[in-house]
Structure formats: C-alpha cells, structure tokens
C-alpha cells in the first residue's frame, strides 16, 4: 500500500497521542495542593452554568 505523506503524519501523531498519559498528573498535583492549602476556589455559578450547558448539548 502507498500512503500519502499526510496519512503518514496522521499515523505518527496518533502514535504520539497514544503515548501520552490520560491524566495530566502535574495538573492533578497542583489542584490537590491548592485545595489543601486554600487558594483553590470553585465558583458555584460557573459550575452550574457548565452543567446546564453540558445537559443542553446532550
């Protein structure tokens, strides 16, 4: 089979993507630290709006 350069590029990108962790551990660690020491604040209005938006999208 002959693959176009674009198809080879897509295949290489898929391979790179599959090698990435599903969880961004550095972001999880930062959020845990912020929650533990207080500077992490959650805006309940923003959470509610995102929930409503998500339900609208289905």
Protein backbone atom coordinates (compact mmCIF):
# COMPACT_ATOMS: atom_id res chain seq x y z
CA UNK A 1 0.00 0.00 0.00
CA UNK A 2 1.13 3.52 -0.71
CA UNK A 3 0.26 6.09 1.90
CA UNK A 4 0.29 9.79 1.33
CA UNK A 5 2.61 11.97 3.39
CA UNK A 6 -0.46 13.34 5.18
CA UNK A 7 -1.60 9.85 6.18
CA UNK A 8 1.88 9.03 7.50
CA UNK A 9 1.83 12.27 9.50
CA UNK A 10 -1.58 11.42 10.97
CA UNK A 11 -0.39 7.94 11.89
CA UNK A 12 2.69 9.36 13.62
CA UNK A 13 0.57 11.87 15.54
CA UNK A 14 -1.83 9.14 16.65
CA UNK A 15 1.10 7.12 17.92
CA UNK A 16 2.43 10.11 19.86
CA UNK A 17 -1.02 10.81 21.27
CA UNK A 18 -1.47 7.24 22.44
CA UNK A 19 1.82 7.52 24.35
CA UNK A 20 0.53 10.44 26.42
CA UNK A 21 -0.97 9.74 29.84
CA UNK A 22 -4.74 10.04 30.11
CA UNK A 23 -4.35 12.13 33.26
CA UNK A 24 -2.20 15.23 33.43
CA UNK A 25 -0.56 14.30 36.71
CA UNK A 26 1.12 17.68 37.13
CA UNK A 27 -2.26 19.41 36.93
CA UNK A 28 -3.83 16.96 39.39
CA UNK A 29 -0.98 17.51 41.85
CA UNK A 30 -1.34 21.29 41.55
CA UNK A 31 -5.10 21.14 42.11
CA UNK A 32 -4.65 18.89 45.16
CA UNK A 33 -2.09 21.27 46.62
CA UNK A 34 -4.30 24.29 46.02
CA UNK A 35 -7.31 22.58 47.58
CA UNK A 36 -5.29 21.54 50.61
CA UNK A 37 -3.81 24.98 51.29
CA UNK A 38 -6.75 27.16 50.38
CA UNK A 39 -6.09 29.23 47.24
CA UNK A 40 -8.24 26.93 45.08
CA UNK A 41 -11.71 28.41 44.79
CA UNK A 42 -14.69 26.99 42.99
CA UNK A 43 -17.29 29.34 41.56
CA UNK A 44 -20.63 27.55 42.09
CA UNK A 45 -22.30 29.70 39.42
CA UNK A 46 -19.71 28.68 36.85
CA UNK A 47 -20.08 25.01 37.78
CA UNK A 48 -23.86 25.27 37.47
CA UNK A 49 -23.62 27.02 34.10
CA UNK A 50 -21.24 24.40 32.72
CA UNK A 51 -23.55 21.64 33.95
CA UNK A 52 -26.54 23.27 32.24
CA UNK A 53 -24.52 23.79 29.04
CA UNK A 54 -23.46 20.14 29.11
CA UNK A 55 -27.04 18.96 29.51
CA UNK A 56 -28.16 21.17 26.62
CA UNK A 57 -25.54 19.62 24.33
CA UNK A 58 -26.75 16.16 25.28
